[in-house]
Amino acid sequence: MSTPPAVQPRILRLKQLIERIGLARSTIYERMDARSPRYDATFPKPIKLGVSAIGWVEADITAWIELRMIEK
């Protein structure tokens, strides 16, 4: 019996995130801004990758998309 390969966590940078969820850069940042009328508390928080680099965990984005599909 062989075991299935372990799924490696993947980080999405902003360009990949935009392609994945179909939202514009400005909309993504508005979803993360608690002062914005477009704020979404369920939107995944980015992780810090470096001094000025952030990314999103792909599994978190997938879970968020699935949640949106259930809510519709």
PDB file of N, CA and C in Angstrom:
ATOM      1  N   MET A   1       0.834  -1.179   0.000  1.00  0.00           N
ATOM      2  CA  MET A   1       0.000   0.000   0.000  1.00  0.00           C
ATOM      3  C   MET A   1       0.877   1.239   0.000  1.00  0.00           C
ATOM      4  N   SER A   2       0.541   2.174  -0.820  1.00  0.00           N
ATOM      5  CA  SER A   2       1.294   3.436  -0.822  1.00  0.00           C
ATOM      6  C   SER A   2       0.457   4.525  -0.176  1.00  0.00           C
ATOM      7  N   THR A   3       1.134   5.415   0.495  1.00  0.00           N
ATOM      8  CA  THR A   3       0.437   6.533   1.129  1.00  0.00           C
ATOM      9  C   THR A   3       0.378   7.689   0.141  1.00  0.00           C
ATOM     10  N   PRO A   4      -0.714   8.457   0.182  1.00  0.00           N
ATOM     11  CA  PRO A   4      -0.802   9.599  -0.728  1.00  0.00           C
ATOM     12  C   PRO A   4       0.259  10.633  -0.387  1.00  0.00           C
ATOM     13  N   PRO A   5       0.742  11.353  -1.379  1.00  0.00           N
ATOM     14  CA  PRO A   5       1.757  12.370  -1.104  1.00  0.00           C
ATOM     15  C   PRO A   5       1.204  13.474  -0.216  1.00  0.00           C
ATOM     16  N   ALA A   6       2.049  13.974   0.666  1.00  0.00           N
ATOM     17  CA  ALA A   6       1.641  15.060   1.560  1.00  0.00           C
ATOM     18  C   ALA A   6       1.466  16.338   0.757  1.00  0.00           C
ATOM     19  N   VAL A   7       0.428  17.060   1.069  1.00  0.00           N
ATOM     20  CA  VAL A   7       0.172  18.326   0.388  1.00  0.00           C
ATOM     21  C   VAL A   7       1.036  19.393   1.041  1.00  0.00           C
ATOM     22  N   GLN A   8       1.828  20.057   0.242  1.00  0.00           N
ATOM     23  CA  GLN A   8       2.700  21.107   0.738  1.00  0.00           C
ATOM     24  C   GLN A   8       1.943  22.429   0.759  1.00  0.00           C
ATOM     25  N   PRO A   9       2.079  23.199   1.832  1.00  0.00           N
ATOM     26  CA  PRO A   9       1.445  24.520   1.846  1.00  0.00           C
ATOM     27  C   PRO A   9       2.009  25.375   0.713  1.00  0.00           C
ATOM     28  N   ARG A  10       1.151  26.176   0.111  1.00  0.00           N
ATOM     29  CA  ARG A  10       1.574  27.036  -0.989  1.00  0.00           C
ATOM     30  C   ARG A  10       1.166  28.466  -0.668  1.00  0.00           C
ATOM     31  N   ILE A  11       2.049  29.373  -0.961  1.00  0.00           N
ATOM     32  CA  ILE A  11       1.794  30.797  -0.735  1.00  0.00           C
ATOM     33  C   ILE A  11       1.463  31.446  -2.070  1.00  0.00           C
ATOM     34  N   LEU A  12       0.388  32.214  -2.090  1.00  0.00           N
ATOM     35  CA  LEU A  12       0.006  32.968  -3.284  1.00  0.00           C
ATOM     36  C   LEU A  12       0.419  34.416  -3.098  1.00  0.00           C
ATOM     37  N   ARG A  13       1.107  34.948  -4.078  1.00  0.00           N
ATOM     38  CA  ARG A  13       1.420  36.369  -4.074  1.00  0.00           C
ATOM     39  C   ARG A  13       0.210  37.099  -4.660  1.00  0.00           C
ATOM     40  N   LEU A  14       0.229  38.424  -4.586  1.00  0.00           N
ATOM     41  CA  LEU A  14      -0.934  39.223  -4.971  1.00  0.00           C
ATOM     42  C   LEU A  14      -1.401  38.927  -6.397  1.00  0.00           C
ATOM     43  N   LYS A  15      -0.478  38.849  -7.335  1.00  0.00           N
ATOM     44  CA  LYS A  15      -0.857  38.597  -8.728  1.00  0.00           C
ATOM     45  C   LYS A  15      -1.579  37.249  -8.866  1.00  0.00           C
ATOM     46  N   GLN A  16      -1.073  36.233  -8.180  1.00  0.00           N
ATOM     47  CA  GLN A  16      -1.715  34.921  -8.220  1.00  0.00           C
ATOM     48  C   GLN A  16      -3.075  34.961  -7.532  1.00  0.00           C
ATOM     49  N   LEU A  17      -3.172  35.713  -6.446  1.00  0.00           N
ATOM     50  CA  LEU A  17      -4.439  35.845  -5.723  1.00  0.00           C
ATOM     51  C   LEU A  17      -5.494  36.504  -6.604  1.00  0.00           C
ATOM     52  N   ILE A  18      -5.102  37.555  -7.299  1.00  0.00           N
ATOM     53  CA  ILE A  18      -6.021  38.247  -8.208  1.00  0.00           C
ATOM     54  C   ILE A  18      -6.542  37.286  -9.265  1.00  0.00           C
ATOM     55  N   GLU A  19      -5.650  36.491  -9.847  1.00  0.00           N
ATOM     56  CA  GLU A  19      -6.061  35.510 -10.858  1.00  0.00           C
ATOM     57  C   GLU A  19      -6.973  34.442 -10.258  1.00  0.00           C
ATOM     58  N   ARG A  20      -6.695  34.055  -9.042  1.00  0.00           N
ATOM     59  CA  ARG A  20      -7.448  32.966  -8.402  1.00  0.00           C
ATOM     60  C   ARG A  20      -8.859  33.379  -8.022  1.00  0.00           C
ATOM     61  N   ILE A  21      -9.029  34.575  -7.446  1.00  0.00           N
ATOM     62  CA  ILE A  21     -10.355  34.950  -6.941  1.00  0.00           C
ATOM     63  C   ILE A  21     -11.097  35.938  -7.830  1.00  0.00           C
ATOM     64  N   GLY A  22     -10.410  36.531  -8.791  1.00  0.00           N
ATOM     65  CA  GLY A  22     -11.092  37.414  -9.725  1.00  0.00           C
ATOM     66  C   GLY A  22     -11.453  38.781  -9.182  1.00  0.00           C
ATOM     67  N   LEU A  23     -10.795  39.206  -8.115  1.00  0.00           N
ATOM     68  CA  LEU A  23     -11.020  40.542  -7.571  1.00  0.00           C
ATOM     69  C   LEU A  23      -9.815  41.415  -7.884  1.00  0.00           C
ATOM     70  N   ALA A  24     -10.049  42.699  -8.013  1.00  0.00           N
ATOM     71  CA  ALA A  24      -8.967  43.644  -8.278  1.00  0.00           C
ATOM     72  C   ALA A  24      -8.143  43.869  -7.013  1.00  0.00           C
ATOM     73  N   ARG A  25      -6.933  44.361  -7.206  1.00  0.00           N
ATOM     74  CA  ARG A  25      -6.021  44.649  -6.096  1.00  0.00           C
ATOM     75  C   ARG A  25      -6.682  45.557  -5.060  1.00  0.00           C
ATOM     76  N   SER A  26      -7.307  46.631  -5.526  1.00  0.00           N
ATOM     77  CA  SER A  26      -7.927  47.580  -4.602  1.00  0.00           C
ATOM     78  C   SER A  26      -9.061  46.929  -3.812  1.00  0.00           C
ATOM     79  N   THR A  27      -9.823  46.065  -4.446  1.00  0.00           N
ATOM     80  CA  THR A  27     -10.926  45.386  -3.766  1.00  0.00           C
ATOM     81  C   THR A  27     -10.390  44.430  -2.703  1.00  0.00           C
ATOM     82  N   ILE A  28      -9.309  43.735  -3.004  1.00  0.00           N
ATOM     83  CA  ILE A  28      -8.701  42.828  -2.032  1.00  0.00           C
ATOM     84  C   ILE A  28      -8.286  43.603  -0.784  1.00  0.00           C
ATOM     85  N   TYR A  29      -7.618  44.740  -0.991  1.00  0.00           N
ATOM     86  CA  TYR A  29      -7.184  45.527   0.164  1.00  0.00           C
ATOM     87  C   TYR A  29      -8.376  46.142   0.903  1.00  0.00           C
ATOM     88  N   GLU A  30      -9.447  46.472   0.208  1.00  0.00           N
ATOM     89  CA  GLU A  30     -10.652  46.968   0.879  1.00  0.00           C
ATOM     90  C   GLU A  30     -11.293  45.868   1.717  1.00  0.00           C
ATOM     91  N   ARG A  31     -11.249  44.630   1.248  1.00  0.00           N
ATOM     92  CA  ARG A  31     -11.797  43.505   2.016  1.00  0.00           C
ATOM     93  C   ARG A  31     -11.035  43.300   3.322  1.00  0.00           C
ATOM     94  N   MET A  32      -9.761  43.696   3.342  1.00  0.00           N
ATOM     95  CA  MET A  32      -8.930  43.530   4.540  1.00  0.00           C
ATOM     96  C   MET A  32      -8.983  44.744   5.478  1.00  0.00           C
ATOM     97  N   ASP A  33      -9.522  45.868   5.017  1.00  0.00           N
ATOM     98  CA  ASP A  33      -9.529  47.118   5.781  1.00  0.00           C
ATOM     99  C   ASP A  33     -10.831  47.249   6.570  1.00  0.00           C
ATOM    100  N   ALA A  34     -10.730  47.178   7.890  1.00  0.00           N
ATOM    101  CA  ALA A  34     -11.913  47.234   8.756  1.00  0.00           C
ATOM    102  C   ALA A  34     -12.685  48.552   8.619  1.00  0.00           C
ATOM    103  N   ARG A  35     -12.056  49.604   8.111  1.00  0.00           N
ATOM    104  CA  ARG A  35     -12.735  50.900   7.939  1.00  0.00           C
ATOM    105  C   ARG A  35     -13.464  51.006   6.608  1.00  0.00           C
ATOM    106  N   SER A  36     -13.292  50.020   5.743  1.00  0.00           N
ATOM    107  CA  SER A  36     -13.892  50.055   4.414  1.00  0.00           C
ATOM    108  C   SER A  36     -15.310  49.490   4.438  1.00  0.00           C
ATOM    109  N   PRO A  37     -16.207  50.048   3.609  1.00  0.00           N
ATOM    110  CA  PRO A  37     -17.550  49.465   3.518  1.00  0.00           C
ATOM    111  C   PRO A  37     -17.533  48.071   2.876  1.00  0.00           C
ATOM    112  N   ARG A  38     -16.442  47.730   2.206  1.00  0.00           N
ATOM    113  CA  ARG A  38     -16.313  46.402   1.589  1.00  0.00           C
ATOM    114  C   ARG A  38     -15.578  45.410   2.494  1.00  0.00           C
ATOM    115  N   TYR A  39     -15.333  45.784   3.729  1.00  0.00           N
ATOM    116  CA  TYR A  39     -14.604  44.924   4.667  1.00  0.00           C
ATOM    117  C   TYR A  39     -15.279  43.568   4.797  1.00  0.00           C
ATOM    118  N   ASP A  40     -14.479  42.521   4.806  1.00  0.00           N
ATOM    119  CA  ASP A  40     -14.971  41.157   4.963  1.00  0.00           C
ATOM    120  C   ASP A  40     -14.119  40.485   6.039  1.00  0.00           C
ATOM    121  N   ALA A  41     -14.687  40.313   7.215  1.00  0.00           N
ATOM    122  CA  ALA A  41     -13.952  39.730   8.339  1.00  0.00           C
ATOM    123  C   ALA A  41     -13.528  38.292   8.055  1.00  0.00           C
ATOM    124  N   THR A  42     -14.185  37.632   7.105  1.00  0.00           N
ATOM    125  CA  THR A  42     -13.838  36.254   6.787  1.00  0.00           C
ATOM    126  C   THR A  42     -12.721  36.148   5.760  1.00  0.00           C
ATOM    127  N   PHE A  43     -12.327  37.284   5.160  1.00  0.00           N
ATOM    128  CA  PHE A  43     -11.281  37.237   4.135  1.00  0.00           C
ATOM    129  C   PHE A  43      -9.952  36.867   4.790  1.00  0.00           C
ATOM    130  N   PRO A  44      -9.238  35.897   4.205  1.00  0.00           N
ATOM    131  CA  PRO A  44      -7.979  35.445   4.819  1.00  0.00           C
ATOM    132  C   PRO A  44      -6.952  36.563   4.987  1.00  0.00           C
ATOM    133  N   LYS A  45      -6.290  36.545   6.118  1.00  0.00           N
ATOM    134  CA  LYS A  45      -5.244  37.523   6.406  1.00  0.00           C
ATOM    135  C   LYS A  45      -3.960  37.095   5.698  1.00  0.00           C
ATOM    136  N   PRO A  46      -3.221  38.047   5.176  1.00  0.00           N
ATOM    137  CA  PRO A  46      -1.943  37.698   4.549  1.00  0.00           C
ATOM    138  C   PRO A  46      -0.896  37.388   5.611  1.00  0.00           C
ATOM    139  N   ILE A  47       0.151  36.705   5.186  1.00  0.00           N
ATOM    140  CA  ILE A  47       1.278  36.459   6.081  1.00  0.00           C
ATOM    141  C   ILE A  47       2.478  37.240   5.572  1.00  0.00           C
ATOM    142  N   LYS A  48       3.321  37.646   6.479  1.00  0.00           N
ATOM    143  CA  LYS A  48       4.506  38.419   6.118  1.00  0.00           C
ATOM    144  C   LYS A  48       5.590  37.470   5.614  1.00  0.00           C
ATOM    145  N   LEU A  49       6.138  37.792   4.443  1.00  0.00           N
ATOM    146  CA  LEU A  49       7.181  36.982   3.836  1.00  0.00           C
ATOM    147  C   LEU A  49       8.545  37.644   3.929  1.00  0.00           C
ATOM    148  N   GLY A  50       8.555  38.928   4.117  1.00  0.00           N
ATOM    149  CA  GLY A  50       9.796  39.684   4.185  1.00  0.00           C
ATOM    150  C   GLY A  50       9.502  41.082   4.661  1.00  0.00           C
ATOM    151  N   VAL A  51      10.456  41.959   4.478  1.00  0.00           N
ATOM    152  CA  VAL A  51      10.295  43.334   4.941  1.00  0.00           C
ATOM    153  C   VAL A  51       9.083  43.996   4.307  1.00  0.00           C
ATOM    154  N   SER A  52       8.910  43.840   3.009  1.00  0.00           N
ATOM    155  CA  SER A  52       7.781  44.479   2.336  1.00  0.00           C
ATOM    156  C   SER A  52       7.019  43.501   1.450  1.00  0.00           C
ATOM    157  N   ALA A  53       7.074  42.221   1.769  1.00  0.00           N
ATOM    158  CA  ALA A  53       6.395  41.214   0.959  1.00  0.00           C
ATOM    159  C   ALA A  53       5.380  40.453   1.805  1.00  0.00           C
ATOM    160  N   ILE A  54       4.194  40.247   1.235  1.00  0.00           N
ATOM    161  CA  ILE A  54       3.164  39.450   1.890  1.00  0.00           C
ATOM    162  C   ILE A  54       2.648  38.419   0.902  1.00  0.00           C
ATOM    163  N   GLY A  55       1.965  37.425   1.441  1.00  0.00           N
ATOM    164  CA  GLY A  55       1.344  36.400   0.617  1.00  0.00           C
ATOM    165  C   GLY A  55       0.192  35.787   1.387  1.00  0.00           C
ATOM    166  N   TRP A  56      -0.609  35.019   0.701  1.00  0.00           N
ATOM    167  CA  TRP A  56      -1.764  34.375   1.303  1.00  0.00           C
ATOM    168  C   TRP A  56      -1.598  32.867   1.201  1.00  0.00           C
ATOM    169  N   VAL A  57      -1.971  32.145   2.239  1.00  0.00           N
ATOM    170  CA  VAL A  57      -1.899  30.689   2.229  1.00  0.00           C
ATOM    171  C   VAL A  57      -3.014  30.176   1.317  1.00  0.00           C
ATOM    172  N   GLU A  58      -2.634  29.384   0.331  1.00  0.00           N
ATOM    173  CA  GLU A  58      -3.592  28.907  -0.667  1.00  0.00           C
ATOM    174  C   GLU A  58      -4.765  28.152  -0.032  1.00  0.00           C
ATOM    175  N   ALA A  59      -4.501  27.345   0.977  1.00  0.00           N
ATOM    176  CA  ALA A  59      -5.571  26.593   1.633  1.00  0.00           C
ATOM    177  C   ALA A  59      -6.598  27.534   2.276  1.00  0.00           C
ATOM    178  N   ASP A  60      -6.134  28.652   2.828  1.00  0.00           N
ATOM    179  CA  ASP A  60      -7.052  29.639   3.417  1.00  0.00           C
ATOM    180  C   ASP A  60      -7.924  30.272   2.337  1.00  0.00           C
ATOM    181  N   ILE A  61      -7.332  30.550   1.189  1.00  0.00           N
ATOM    182  CA  ILE A  61      -8.084  31.140   0.077  1.00  0.00           C
ATOM    183  C   ILE A  61      -9.115  30.148  -0.445  1.00  0.00           C
ATOM    184  N   THR A  62      -8.714  28.883  -0.565  1.00  0.00           N
ATOM    185  CA  THR A  62      -9.646  27.849  -1.025  1.00  0.00           C
ATOM    186  C   THR A  62     -10.824  27.729  -0.062  1.00  0.00           C
ATOM    187  N   ALA A  63     -10.549  27.732   1.236  1.00  0.00           N
ATOM    188  CA  ALA A  63     -11.618  27.650   2.240  1.00  0.00           C
ATOM    189  C   ALA A  63     -12.548  28.858   2.139  1.00  0.00           C
ATOM    190  N   TRP A  64     -11.989  30.046   1.913  1.00  0.00           N
ATOM    191  CA  TRP A  64     -12.800  31.263   1.780  1.00  0.00           C
ATOM    192  C   TRP A  64     -13.697  31.175   0.553  1.00  0.00           C
ATOM    193  N   ILE A  65     -13.154  30.691  -0.556  1.00  0.00           N
ATOM    194  CA  ILE A  65     -13.948  30.537  -1.784  1.00  0.00           C
ATOM    195  C   ILE A  65     -15.084  29.555  -1.537  1.00  0.00           C
ATOM    196  N   GLU A  66     -14.794  28.429  -0.890  1.00  0.00           N
ATOM    197  CA  GLU A  66     -15.831  27.434  -0.605  1.00  0.00           C
ATOM    198  C   GLU A  66     -16.907  28.012   0.305  1.00  0.00           C
ATOM    199  N   LEU A  67     -16.518  28.828   1.275  1.00  0.00           N
ATOM    200  CA  LEU A  67     -17.489  29.484   2.162  1.00  0.00           C
ATOM    201  C   LEU A  67     -18.397  30.411   1.359  1.00  0.00           C
ATOM    202  N   ARG A  68     -17.817  31.160   0.432  1.00  0.00           N
ATOM    203  CA  ARG A  68     -18.600  32.065  -0.419  1.00  0.00           C
ATOM    204  C   ARG A  68     -19.594  31.273  -1.264  1.00  0.00           C
ATOM    205  N   MET A  69     -19.188  30.102  -1.733  1.00  0.00           N
ATOM    206  CA  MET A  69     -20.069  29.269  -2.562  1.00  0.00           C
ATOM    207  C   MET A  69     -21.253  28.751  -1.748  1.00  0.00           C
ATOM    208  N   ILE A  70     -21.011  28.417  -0.482  1.00  0.00           N
ATOM    209  CA  ILE A  70     -22.076  27.927   0.384  1.00  0.00           C
ATOM    210  C   ILE A  70     -23.072  29.042   0.697  1.00  0.00           C
ATOM    211  N   GLU A  71     -22.572  30.271   0.882  1.00  0.00           N
ATOM    212  CA  GLU A  71     -23.405  31.408   1.261  1.00  0.00           C
ATOM    213  C   GLU A  71     -24.316  31.892   0.157  1.00  0.00           C
ATOM    214  N   LYS A  72     -23.997  31.591  -1.093  1.00  0.00           N
ATOM    215  CA  LYS A  72     -24.795  32.170  -2.178  1.00  0.00           C
ATOM    216  C   LYS A  72     -26.152  31.644  -2.240  1.00  0.00           C
TER     217      LYS A  72
END
